[in-house]
C-alpha cells in the first residue's frame, strides 16, 4: 500500500501504528517521527511562517482566506507519479493543511481526519488503522490513549482548579477551541475563555485580563516553546506565564497530546503530577 500524508497528525498516527514504511510522500510540515523528513514533499504551505512575525502571519492568513485563496500548494505531478492508494488530509481548518476538496481533480483515494475532541483524536487513530488494514493495532493504540488521559484526570481529581487562559495565537490573541480547551479541563484547570469542540476565536488582551487567569499558557499553533516564548504579550495579564511546544503536544491532533495534558497537569499541580519532560519555558509576566 502506498500512502501520502498531507497532514502532520496523520503522519504521526501512521508511524504510531507501525506503518511508516507505507508512506511515500508528506507535506513540508510533517516532521515527526524524524525519519519522515527524508520523504518527498507533495504539499507545501504558501506562507513562510518562520520568516514572518505572528502578527504578519495572521494578516497573511486572513487575506488569503477572505480572498478565497488556498494556503497550500499540492505537487500534482509528484502525486500522480506516486499513484497512491490513499491520501490523508483534513477539512477541519483551512489554515492547518490541504483540504480534501483541493484533491478532487486528482481523483485520488482520500481520507480526511477532522477530530474536534480528545476522544475523536482517538477515533482518528482507529480510522487510519482501518484504512491501512491494521484495525486491531488502531483499537489498541486508541485504547491506550484514552487510558492515559483518564490517568491524568484521576491524578488531579478533587484538587483546586486554577484558572487558565491558553492562547492558541498571541498576536492577536485567540482563545482555544476543539480539544485544546478540553486539555485544560483534563489537566485539572478551568479554561476561562474557550470552546470545547468549537473553533478557536479572536479575543482581546482586555478580555483575558477581565477573565483573571492564574496561568497564561502561550501555545501558538505550530510553534515550539522557544518560538512561543518570543511572542509579545502585555504586562499583568496573569501572575504566571509559560510558553509551551504547541506544535508537537497541543495543536496537533495525534496521541502526543497526552504529553500536553500531562505537562499542563504538572504546571497546575506540580506536587501531584510529575514533569513529563517536554519543553516549557517559564516567563516573567512583564513584557512589552
C-alpha atoms as a PDB file:
ATOM      1  CA  UNK A   1       0.000   0.000   0.000  1.00  0.00           C
ATOM      2  CA  UNK A   2       1.273   3.480  -0.917  1.00  0.00           C
ATOM      3  CA  UNK A   3       0.224   6.325   1.393  1.00  0.00           C
ATOM      4  CA  UNK A   4       0.701  10.077   1.033  1.00  0.00           C
ATOM      5  CA  UNK A   5       0.123  12.163   4.170  1.00  0.00           C
ATOM      6  CA  UNK A   6      -0.566  15.865   3.753  1.00  0.00           C
ATOM      7  CA  UNK A   7      -1.368  16.218   7.449  1.00  0.00           C
ATOM      8  CA  UNK A   8       1.265  16.155  10.223  1.00  0.00           C
ATOM      9  CA  UNK A   9      -1.029  14.442  12.721  1.00  0.00           C
ATOM     10  CA  UNK A  10      -1.877  11.726  10.200  1.00  0.00           C
ATOM     11  CA  UNK A  11       1.809  11.134   9.562  1.00  0.00           C
ATOM     12  CA  UNK A  12       2.349  10.659  13.293  1.00  0.00           C
ATOM     13  CA  UNK A  13      -0.593   8.290  13.529  1.00  0.00           C
ATOM     14  CA  UNK A  14       0.646   6.157  10.633  1.00  0.00           C
ATOM     15  CA  UNK A  15       4.004   5.857  12.379  1.00  0.00           C
ATOM     16  CA  UNK A  16       2.367   5.079  15.740  1.00  0.00           C
ATOM     17  CA  UNK A  17       0.616   2.188  14.044  1.00  0.00           C
ATOM     18  CA  UNK A  18       3.936   0.784  12.851  1.00  0.00           C
ATOM     19  CA  UNK A  19       3.164   1.609   9.222  1.00  0.00           C
ATOM     20  CA  UNK A  20       5.677   4.369   8.473  1.00  0.00           C
ATOM     21  CA  UNK A  21       7.123   2.185   5.720  1.00  0.00           C
ATOM     22  CA  UNK A  22       3.884   2.702   3.764  1.00  0.00           C
ATOM     23  CA  UNK A  23       4.447   6.455   3.472  1.00  0.00           C
ATOM     24  CA  UNK A  24       5.735   7.574   0.070  1.00  0.00           C
ATOM     25  CA  UNK A  25       5.328  11.372   0.441  1.00  0.00           C
ATOM     26  CA  UNK A  26       4.425  14.010   3.003  1.00  0.00           C
ATOM     27  CA  UNK A  27       3.687  17.699   3.444  1.00  0.00           C
ATOM     28  CA  UNK A  28       6.502  20.083   4.310  1.00  0.00           C
ATOM     29  CA  UNK A  29       5.029  20.388   7.823  1.00  0.00           C
ATOM     30  CA  UNK A  30       5.178  16.642   8.541  1.00  0.00           C
ATOM     31  CA  UNK A  31       8.216  16.437  10.828  1.00  0.00           C
ATOM     32  CA  UNK A  32       7.529  13.566  13.238  1.00  0.00           C
ATOM     33  CA  UNK A  33       8.890  10.979  13.536  1.00  0.00           C
ATOM     34  CA  UNK A  34      12.197  12.433  12.256  1.00  0.00           C
ATOM     35  CA  UNK A  35      12.710   9.775   9.577  1.00  0.00           C
ATOM     36  CA  UNK A  36       9.719  11.062   7.556  1.00  0.00           C
ATOM     37  CA  UNK A  37      11.715  14.185   6.699  1.00  0.00           C
ATOM     38  CA  UNK A  38      13.528  12.144   4.057  1.00  0.00           C
ATOM     39  CA  UNK A  39      10.288  11.586   2.114  1.00  0.00           C
ATOM     40  CA  UNK A  40       9.446  13.654  -0.983  1.00  0.00           C
ATOM     41  CA  UNK A  41       7.249  16.686  -0.302  1.00  0.00           C
ATOM     42  CA  UNK A  42       3.858  16.592  -2.021  1.00  0.00           C
ATOM     43  CA  UNK A  43       2.297  19.624  -0.330  1.00  0.00           C
ATOM     44  CA  UNK A  44       3.695  22.959   0.841  1.00  0.00           C
ATOM     45  CA  UNK A  45       2.393  25.973   2.735  1.00  0.00           C
ATOM     46  CA  UNK A  46       2.286  29.170   0.682  1.00  0.00           C
ATOM     47  CA  UNK A  47       3.078  31.288   3.763  1.00  0.00           C
ATOM     48  CA  UNK A  48       6.534  31.012   5.293  1.00  0.00           C
ATOM     49  CA  UNK A  49       5.626  31.226   8.983  1.00  0.00           C
ATOM     50  CA  UNK A  50       9.294  31.088  10.026  1.00  0.00           C
ATOM     51  CA  UNK A  51      10.084  34.261   8.098  1.00  0.00           C
ATOM     52  CA  UNK A  52       7.135  36.312   9.383  1.00  0.00           C
ATOM     53  CA  UNK A  53       6.078  37.648  12.765  1.00  0.00           C
ATOM     54  CA  UNK A  54       2.945  36.120  14.245  1.00  0.00           C
ATOM     55  CA  UNK A  55       1.098  39.373  13.529  1.00  0.00           C
ATOM     56  CA  UNK A  56       2.133  39.199   9.871  1.00  0.00           C
ATOM     57  CA  UNK A  57       1.210  35.515   9.693  1.00  0.00           C
ATOM     58  CA  UNK A  58      -2.281  36.377  10.959  1.00  0.00           C
ATOM     59  CA  UNK A  59      -2.619  39.164   8.400  1.00  0.00           C
ATOM     60  CA  UNK A  60      -1.465  36.927   5.539  1.00  0.00           C
ATOM     61  CA  UNK A  61      -3.812  34.118   6.541  1.00  0.00           C
ATOM     62  CA  UNK A  62      -6.759  36.492   6.838  1.00  0.00           C
ATOM     63  CA  UNK A  63      -6.072  37.968   3.405  1.00  0.00           C
ATOM     64  CA  UNK A  64      -5.830  34.540   1.813  1.00  0.00           C
ATOM     65  CA  UNK A  65      -8.992  33.198   3.449  1.00  0.00           C
ATOM     66  CA  UNK A  66     -11.008  36.321   2.669  1.00  0.00           C
ATOM     67  CA  UNK A  67      -9.770  36.188  -0.927  1.00  0.00           C
ATOM     68  CA  UNK A  68     -10.711  32.525  -1.285  1.00  0.00           C
ATOM     69  CA  UNK A  69      -7.100  31.515  -1.905  1.00  0.00           C
ATOM     70  CA  UNK A  70      -5.689  28.217  -0.682  1.00  0.00           C
ATOM     71  CA  UNK A  71      -2.906  28.407   1.878  1.00  0.00           C
ATOM     72  CA  UNK A  72      -1.295  25.285   0.428  1.00  0.00           C
ATOM     73  CA  UNK A  73       0.009  24.103  -2.912  1.00  0.00           C
ATOM     74  CA  UNK A  74      -0.050  20.453  -3.960  1.00  0.00           C
ATOM     75  CA  UNK A  75       2.577  18.961  -6.250  1.00  0.00           C
ATOM     76  CA  UNK A  76       0.140  17.337  -8.659  1.00  0.00           C
ATOM     77  CA  UNK A  77       2.876  15.922 -10.881  1.00  0.00           C
ATOM     78  CA  UNK A  78       4.510  14.156  -7.948  1.00  0.00           C
ATOM     79  CA  UNK A  79       1.209  12.841  -6.632  1.00  0.00           C
ATOM     80  CA  UNK A  80       0.244  11.375  -9.985  1.00  0.00           C
ATOM     81  CA  UNK A  81       3.662   9.779 -10.402  1.00  0.00           C
ATOM     82  CA  UNK A  82       3.422   8.146  -6.957  1.00  0.00           C
ATOM     83  CA  UNK A  83      -0.025   6.706  -7.752  1.00  0.00           C
ATOM     84  CA  UNK A  84      -1.005   6.496  -4.057  1.00  0.00           C
ATOM     85  CA  UNK A  85      -3.598   4.092  -2.741  1.00  0.00           C
ATOM     86  CA  UNK A  86      -4.534   6.610  -0.038  1.00  0.00           C
ATOM     87  CA  UNK A  87      -4.009  10.321   0.652  1.00  0.00           C
ATOM     88  CA  UNK A  88      -4.511  11.503   4.230  1.00  0.00           C
ATOM     89  CA  UNK A  89      -5.617  15.098   4.826  1.00  0.00           C
ATOM     90  CA  UNK A  90      -8.296  17.142   6.627  1.00  0.00           C
ATOM     91  CA  UNK A  91     -11.208  19.543   6.239  1.00  0.00           C
ATOM     92  CA  UNK A  92     -11.324  20.935   9.777  1.00  0.00           C
ATOM     93  CA  UNK A  93      -9.150  24.020   9.324  1.00  0.00           C
ATOM     94  CA  UNK A  94      -8.197  25.869   6.140  1.00  0.00           C
ATOM     95  CA  UNK A  95      -5.093  27.159   7.906  1.00  0.00           C
ATOM     96  CA  UNK A  96      -3.698  23.805   9.067  1.00  0.00           C
ATOM     97  CA  UNK A  97      -3.330  21.597   5.976  1.00  0.00           C
ATOM     98  CA  UNK A  98      -4.546  20.820   2.470  1.00  0.00           C
ATOM     99  CA  UNK A  99      -8.324  20.307   2.407  1.00  0.00           C
ATOM    100  CA  UNK A 100      -9.679  17.177   0.746  1.00  0.00           C
ATOM    101  CA  UNK A 101     -11.676  19.275  -1.731  1.00  0.00           C
ATOM    102  CA  UNK A 102      -8.432  20.552  -3.228  1.00  0.00           C
ATOM    103  CA  UNK A 103      -7.601  16.989  -4.290  1.00  0.00           C
ATOM    104  CA  UNK A 104     -10.834  16.229  -6.145  1.00  0.00           C
ATOM    105  CA  UNK A 105      -9.382  16.979  -9.578  1.00  0.00           C
ATOM    106  CA  UNK A 106      -6.601  14.455  -8.977  1.00  0.00           C
ATOM    107  CA  UNK A 107      -9.075  11.617  -8.428  1.00  0.00           C
ATOM    108  CA  UNK A 108      -7.033  10.026  -5.636  1.00  0.00           C
ATOM    109  CA  UNK A 109      -8.495   7.979  -2.736  1.00  0.00           C
ATOM    110  CA  UNK A 110      -8.679  10.407   0.195  1.00  0.00           C
ATOM    111  CA  UNK A 111      -9.350  10.107   3.915  1.00  0.00           C
ATOM    112  CA  UNK A 112      -9.997  13.375   5.788  1.00  0.00           C
ATOM    113  CA  UNK A 113      -9.390  13.410   9.539  1.00  0.00           C
ATOM    114  CA  UNK A 114     -11.352  16.117  11.361  1.00  0.00           C
ATOM    115  CA  UNK A 115     -11.324  15.481  15.132  1.00  0.00           C
ATOM    116  CA  UNK A 116     -12.759  18.144  17.397  1.00  0.00           C
ATOM    117  CA  UNK A 117     -12.351  16.458  20.787  1.00  0.00           C
ATOM    118  CA  UNK A 118      -9.803  14.259  22.513  1.00  0.00           C
ATOM    119  CA  UNK A 119     -11.945  11.175  22.022  1.00  0.00           C
ATOM    120  CA  UNK A 120     -12.293  11.990  18.336  1.00  0.00           C
ATOM    121  CA  UNK A 121      -8.494  12.083  18.102  1.00  0.00           C
ATOM    122  CA  UNK A 122      -8.504   8.512  19.411  1.00  0.00           C
ATOM    123  CA  UNK A 123     -11.197   7.687  16.848  1.00  0.00           C
ATOM    124  CA  UNK A 124      -8.917   9.123  14.132  1.00  0.00           C
ATOM    125  CA  UNK A 125      -6.290   6.578  15.119  1.00  0.00           C
ATOM    126  CA  UNK A 126      -8.868   3.854  14.608  1.00  0.00           C
ATOM    127  CA  UNK A 127      -9.989   5.302  11.251  1.00  0.00           C
ATOM    128  CA  UNK A 128      -6.444   5.391   9.902  1.00  0.00           C
ATOM    129  CA  UNK A 129      -5.774   1.884  11.175  1.00  0.00           C
ATOM    130  CA  UNK A 130      -8.889   0.583   9.420  1.00  0.00           C
ATOM    131  CA  UNK A 131      -7.805   2.231   6.169  1.00  0.00           C
ATOM    132  CA  UNK A 132      -4.325   0.718   6.453  1.00  0.00           C
ATOM    133  CA  UNK A 133      -5.625  -2.770   7.237  1.00  0.00           C
ATOM    134  CA  UNK A 134      -4.335  -2.834  10.822  1.00  0.00           C
ATOM    135  CA  UNK A 135      -7.605  -2.320  12.685  1.00  0.00           C
ATOM    136  CA  UNK A 136      -6.529  -4.242  15.802  1.00  0.00           C
ATOM    137  CA  UNK A 137      -3.449  -2.037  16.215  1.00  0.00           C
ATOM    138  CA  UNK A 138      -5.631   1.037  15.921  1.00  0.00           C
ATOM    139  CA  UNK A 139      -8.057  -0.130  18.583  1.00  0.00           C
ATOM    140  CA  UNK A 140      -5.161  -0.928  20.912  1.00  0.00           C
ATOM    141  CA  UNK A 141      -3.418   2.414  20.377  1.00  0.00           C
ATOM    142  CA  UNK A 142      -6.654   4.380  20.778  1.00  0.00           C
ATOM    143  CA  UNK A 143      -7.485   2.480  23.968  1.00  0.00           C
ATOM    144  CA  UNK A 144      -4.036   3.283  25.350  1.00  0.00           C
ATOM    145  CA  UNK A 145      -4.522   6.975  24.589  1.00  0.00           C
ATOM    146  CA  UNK A 146      -7.876   7.001  26.375  1.00  0.00           C
ATOM    147  CA  UNK A 147      -6.392   5.205  29.410  1.00  0.00           C
ATOM    148  CA  UNK A 148      -3.536   7.687  29.603  1.00  0.00           C
ATOM    149  CA  UNK A 149      -5.909  10.662  29.509  1.00  0.00           C
ATOM    150  CA  UNK A 150      -8.071   9.033  32.180  1.00  0.00           C
ATOM    151  CA  UNK A 151      -4.959   8.637  34.327  1.00  0.00           C
ATOM    152  CA  UNK A 152      -4.238  12.376  34.012  1.00  0.00           C
ATOM    153  CA  UNK A 153      -7.828  13.180  35.037  1.00  0.00           C
ATOM    154  CA  UNK A 154      -7.568  10.846  38.021  1.00  0.00           C
ATOM    155  CA  UNK A 155      -4.273  12.390  39.158  1.00  0.00           C
ATOM    156  CA  UNK A 156      -5.886  15.831  39.608  1.00  0.00           C
ATOM    157  CA  UNK A 157      -9.366  14.762  40.706  1.00  0.00           C
ATOM    158  CA  UNK A 158     -10.623  16.746  43.683  1.00  0.00           C
ATOM    159  CA  UNK A 159      -7.821  19.328  43.550  1.00  0.00           C
ATOM    160  CA  UNK A 160      -8.414  23.094  43.234  1.00  0.00           C
ATOM    161  CA  UNK A 161      -8.815  24.129  39.623  1.00  0.00           C
ATOM    162  CA  UNK A 162      -6.615  27.121  38.723  1.00  0.00           C
ATOM    163  CA  UNK A 163      -7.938  29.478  36.068  1.00  0.00           C
ATOM    164  CA  UNK A 164      -6.124  29.131  32.740  1.00  0.00           C
ATOM    165  CA  UNK A 165      -6.040  31.073  29.506  1.00  0.00           C
ATOM    166  CA  UNK A 166      -4.321  29.022  26.823  1.00  0.00           C
ATOM    167  CA  UNK A 167      -3.552  31.258  23.857  1.00  0.00           C
ATOM    168  CA  UNK A 168      -3.769  29.418  20.517  1.00  0.00           C
ATOM    169  CA  UNK A 169      -2.334  32.548  18.940  1.00  0.00           C
ATOM    170  CA  UNK A 170      -0.784  35.543  20.658  1.00  0.00           C
ATOM    171  CA  UNK A 171      -0.578  38.475  18.262  1.00  0.00           C
ATOM    172  CA  UNK A 172      -3.549  38.839  18.130  1.00  0.00           C
ATOM    173  CA  UNK A 173      -4.694  36.542  20.954  1.00  0.00           C
ATOM    174  CA  UNK A 174      -7.006  33.627  20.167  1.00  0.00           C
ATOM    175  CA  UNK A 175      -8.954  31.631  22.740  1.00  0.00           C
ATOM    176  CA  UNK A 176      -8.636  27.853  22.453  1.00  0.00           C
ATOM    177  CA  UNK A 177     -11.154  25.581  20.781  1.00  0.00           C
ATOM    178  CA  UNK A 178     -11.584  21.924  19.860  1.00  0.00           C
ATOM    179  CA  UNK A 179      -9.552  19.512  22.018  1.00  0.00           C
ATOM    180  CA  UNK A 180      -7.178  22.205  23.306  1.00  0.00           C
ATOM    181  CA  UNK A 181      -9.782  23.792  25.575  1.00  0.00           C
ATOM    182  CA  UNK A 182     -10.609  20.262  26.718  1.00  0.00           C
ATOM    183  CA  UNK A 183      -6.955  19.600  27.632  1.00  0.00           C
ATOM    184  CA  UNK A 184      -7.161  22.316  30.283  1.00  0.00           C
ATOM    185  CA  UNK A 185     -10.057  20.535  31.999  1.00  0.00           C
ATOM    186  CA  UNK A 186      -8.349  17.150  31.782  1.00  0.00           C
ATOM    187  CA  UNK A 187      -5.274  18.692  33.424  1.00  0.00           C
ATOM    188  CA  UNK A 188      -7.270  19.995  36.366  1.00  0.00           C
ATOM    189  CA  UNK A 189      -7.723  23.607  35.310  1.00  0.00           C
ATOM    190  CA  UNK A 190     -10.601  25.905  34.455  1.00  0.00           C
ATOM    191  CA  UNK A 191     -10.420  27.209  30.886  1.00  0.00           C
ATOM    192  CA  UNK A 192     -11.554  30.803  31.446  1.00  0.00           C
ATOM    193  CA  UNK A 193     -12.185  31.559  27.759  1.00  0.00           C
ATOM    194  CA  UNK A 194     -12.563  28.826  25.153  1.00  0.00           C
ATOM    195  CA  UNK A 195     -14.906  26.497  23.302  1.00  0.00           C
ATOM    196  CA  UNK A 196     -14.550  22.740  23.705  1.00  0.00           C
ATOM    197  CA  UNK A 197     -15.266  21.145  20.337  1.00  0.00           C
ATOM    198  CA  UNK A 198     -15.641  24.532  18.619  1.00  0.00           C
ATOM    199  CA  UNK A 199     -13.299  26.763  16.677  1.00  0.00           C
ATOM    200  CA  UNK A 200     -10.720  28.942  18.354  1.00  0.00           C
ATOM    201  CA  UNK A 201     -11.735  32.589  18.258  1.00  0.00           C
ATOM    202  CA  UNK A 202     -10.141  36.006  18.461  1.00  0.00           C
ATOM    203  CA  UNK A 203     -10.283  37.904  21.750  1.00  0.00           C
ATOM    204  CA  UNK A 204      -8.551  40.976  23.172  1.00  0.00           C
ATOM    205  CA  UNK A 205      -6.000  41.130  25.951  1.00  0.00           C
ATOM    206  CA  UNK A 206      -8.568  43.170  27.881  1.00  0.00           C
ATOM    207  CA  UNK A 207     -10.886  40.152  27.648  1.00  0.00           C
ATOM    208  CA  UNK A 208      -8.110  37.984  29.062  1.00  0.00           C
ATOM    209  CA  UNK A 209      -7.397  40.412  31.921  1.00  0.00           C
ATOM    210  CA  UNK A 210     -11.088  40.519  32.773  1.00  0.00           C
ATOM    211  CA  UNK A 211     -11.147  36.704  32.975  1.00  0.00           C
ATOM    212  CA  UNK A 212      -8.404  36.876  35.639  1.00  0.00           C
ATOM    213  CA  UNK A 213      -6.437  33.728  34.797  1.00  0.00           C
ATOM    214  CA  UNK A 214      -3.946  32.329  37.285  1.00  0.00           C
ATOM    215  CA  UNK A 215      -1.867  30.986  34.404  1.00  0.00           C
ATOM    216  CA  UNK A 216      -1.343  32.212  30.855  1.00  0.00           C
ATOM    217  CA  UNK A 217      -0.078  29.489  28.521  1.00  0.00           C
ATOM    218  CA  UNK A 218       1.460  30.713  25.294  1.00  0.00           C
ATOM    219  CA  UNK A 219       0.719  27.956  22.773  1.00  0.00           C
ATOM    220  CA  UNK A 220       0.564  29.421  19.265  1.00  0.00           C
ATOM    221  CA  UNK A 221      -0.452  26.765  16.762  1.00  0.00           C
ATOM    222  CA  UNK A 222       2.592  25.122  15.193  1.00  0.00           C
ATOM    223  CA  UNK A 223       5.178  26.904  17.354  1.00  0.00           C
ATOM    224  CA  UNK A 224       7.924  25.400  19.504  1.00  0.00           C
ATOM    225  CA  UNK A 225       8.363  26.524  23.109  1.00  0.00           C
ATOM    226  CA  UNK A 226      11.316  28.717  22.097  1.00  0.00           C
ATOM    227  CA  UNK A 227       9.314  30.452  19.381  1.00  0.00           C
ATOM    228  CA  UNK A 228       6.290  30.781  21.671  1.00  0.00           C
ATOM    229  CA  UNK A 229       8.476  32.457  24.303  1.00  0.00           C
ATOM    230  CA  UNK A 230       9.313  35.206  21.799  1.00  0.00           C
ATOM    231  CA  UNK A 231       5.672  36.208  21.375  1.00  0.00           C
ATOM    232  CA  UNK A 232       4.623  39.696  22.557  1.00  0.00           C
ATOM    233  CA  UNK A 233       2.046  39.931  25.302  1.00  0.00           C
ATOM    234  CA  UNK A 234       1.050  42.808  27.614  1.00  0.00           C
ATOM    235  CA  UNK A 235       2.026  43.088  31.246  1.00  0.00           C
ATOM    236  CA  UNK A 236      -0.149  41.974  34.138  1.00  0.00           C
ATOM    237  CA  UNK A 237      -2.270  39.512  32.169  1.00  0.00           C
ATOM    238  CA  UNK A 238      -1.626  36.730  34.664  1.00  0.00           C
ATOM    239  CA  UNK A 239       0.652  36.165  37.652  1.00  0.00           C
ATOM    240  CA  UNK A 240       2.335  33.269  35.886  1.00  0.00           C
ATOM    241  CA  UNK A 241       3.147  32.783  32.196  1.00  0.00           C
ATOM    242  CA  UNK A 242       4.551  29.688  30.481  1.00  0.00           C
ATOM    243  CA  UNK A 243       5.440  29.068  26.823  1.00  0.00           C
ATOM    244  CA  UNK A 244       4.972  25.516  25.513  1.00  0.00           C
ATOM    245  CA  UNK A 245       5.618  23.461  22.385  1.00  0.00           C
ATOM    246  CA  UNK A 246       2.148  23.669  20.878  1.00  0.00           C
ATOM    247  CA  UNK A 247       3.240  22.288  17.526  1.00  0.00           C
ATOM    248  CA  UNK A 248       4.124  18.907  18.991  1.00  0.00           C
ATOM    249  CA  UNK A 249       1.955  18.422  22.086  1.00  0.00           C
ATOM    250  CA  UNK A 250      -1.142  20.619  21.888  1.00  0.00           C
ATOM    251  CA  UNK A 251      -2.299  21.764  18.444  1.00  0.00           C
ATOM    252  CA  UNK A 252      -1.522  18.558  16.541  1.00  0.00           C
ATOM    253  CA  UNK A 253      -4.359  16.004  16.945  1.00  0.00           C
ATOM    254  CA  UNK A 254      -2.279  12.873  17.455  1.00  0.00           C
ATOM    255  CA  UNK A 255      -1.514  10.702  20.502  1.00  0.00           C
ATOM    256  CA  UNK A 256       1.235  13.055  21.705  1.00  0.00           C
ATOM    257  CA  UNK A 257      -1.489  15.395  23.021  1.00  0.00           C
ATOM    258  CA  UNK A 258      -1.367  13.126  26.075  1.00  0.00           C
ATOM    259  CA  UNK A 259       2.026  14.671  26.850  1.00  0.00           C
ATOM    260  CA  UNK A 260       0.432  18.111  26.583  1.00  0.00           C
ATOM    261  CA  UNK A 261      -2.203  17.052  29.125  1.00  0.00           C
ATOM    262  CA  UNK A 262       0.489  15.734  31.459  1.00  0.00           C
ATOM    263  CA  UNK A 263       2.501  18.920  31.108  1.00  0.00           C
ATOM    264  CA  UNK A 264      -0.479  21.137  31.860  1.00  0.00           C
ATOM    265  CA  UNK A 265      -1.364  18.992  34.864  1.00  0.00           C
ATOM    266  CA  UNK A 266       2.191  19.343  36.148  1.00  0.00           C
ATOM    267  CA  UNK A 267       2.175  23.118  35.614  1.00  0.00           C
ATOM    268  CA  UNK A 268      -1.093  23.394  37.550  1.00  0.00           C
ATOM    269  CA  UNK A 269      -0.430  20.745  40.212  1.00  0.00           C
ATOM    270  CA  UNK A 270       3.336  20.149  40.457  1.00  0.00           C
ATOM    271  CA  UNK A 271       3.068  18.423  43.847  1.00  0.00           C
ATOM    272  CA  UNK A 272       0.748  15.775  42.437  1.00  0.00           C
ATOM    273  CA  UNK A 273       1.840  15.309  38.802  1.00  0.00           C
ATOM    274  CA  UNK A 274       5.446  14.675  37.690  1.00  0.00           C
ATOM    275  CA  UNK A 275       7.043  16.725  34.934  1.00  0.00           C
ATOM    276  CA  UNK A 276       6.729  14.760  31.667  1.00  0.00           C
ATOM    277  CA  UNK A 277       9.907  16.395  30.419  1.00  0.00           C
ATOM    278  CA  UNK A 278       8.552  18.079  27.293  1.00  0.00           C
ATOM    279  CA  UNK A 279       9.653  21.666  26.534  1.00  0.00           C
ATOM    280  CA  UNK A 280       8.243  24.537  28.584  1.00  0.00           C
ATOM    281  CA  UNK A 281       9.694  27.964  29.348  1.00  0.00           C
ATOM    282  CA  UNK A 282       8.674  29.942  32.414  1.00  0.00           C
ATOM    283  CA  UNK A 283       8.444  33.661  31.619  1.00  0.00           C
ATOM    284  CA  UNK A 284       8.454  36.825  33.683  1.00  0.00           C
ATOM    285  CA  UNK A 285       4.910  38.227  33.472  1.00  0.00           C
ATOM    286  CA  UNK A 286       6.079  41.665  32.361  1.00  0.00           C
ATOM    287  CA  UNK A 287       6.839  42.141  28.678  1.00  0.00           C
ATOM    288  CA  UNK A 288       6.210  44.955  26.240  1.00  0.00           C
END
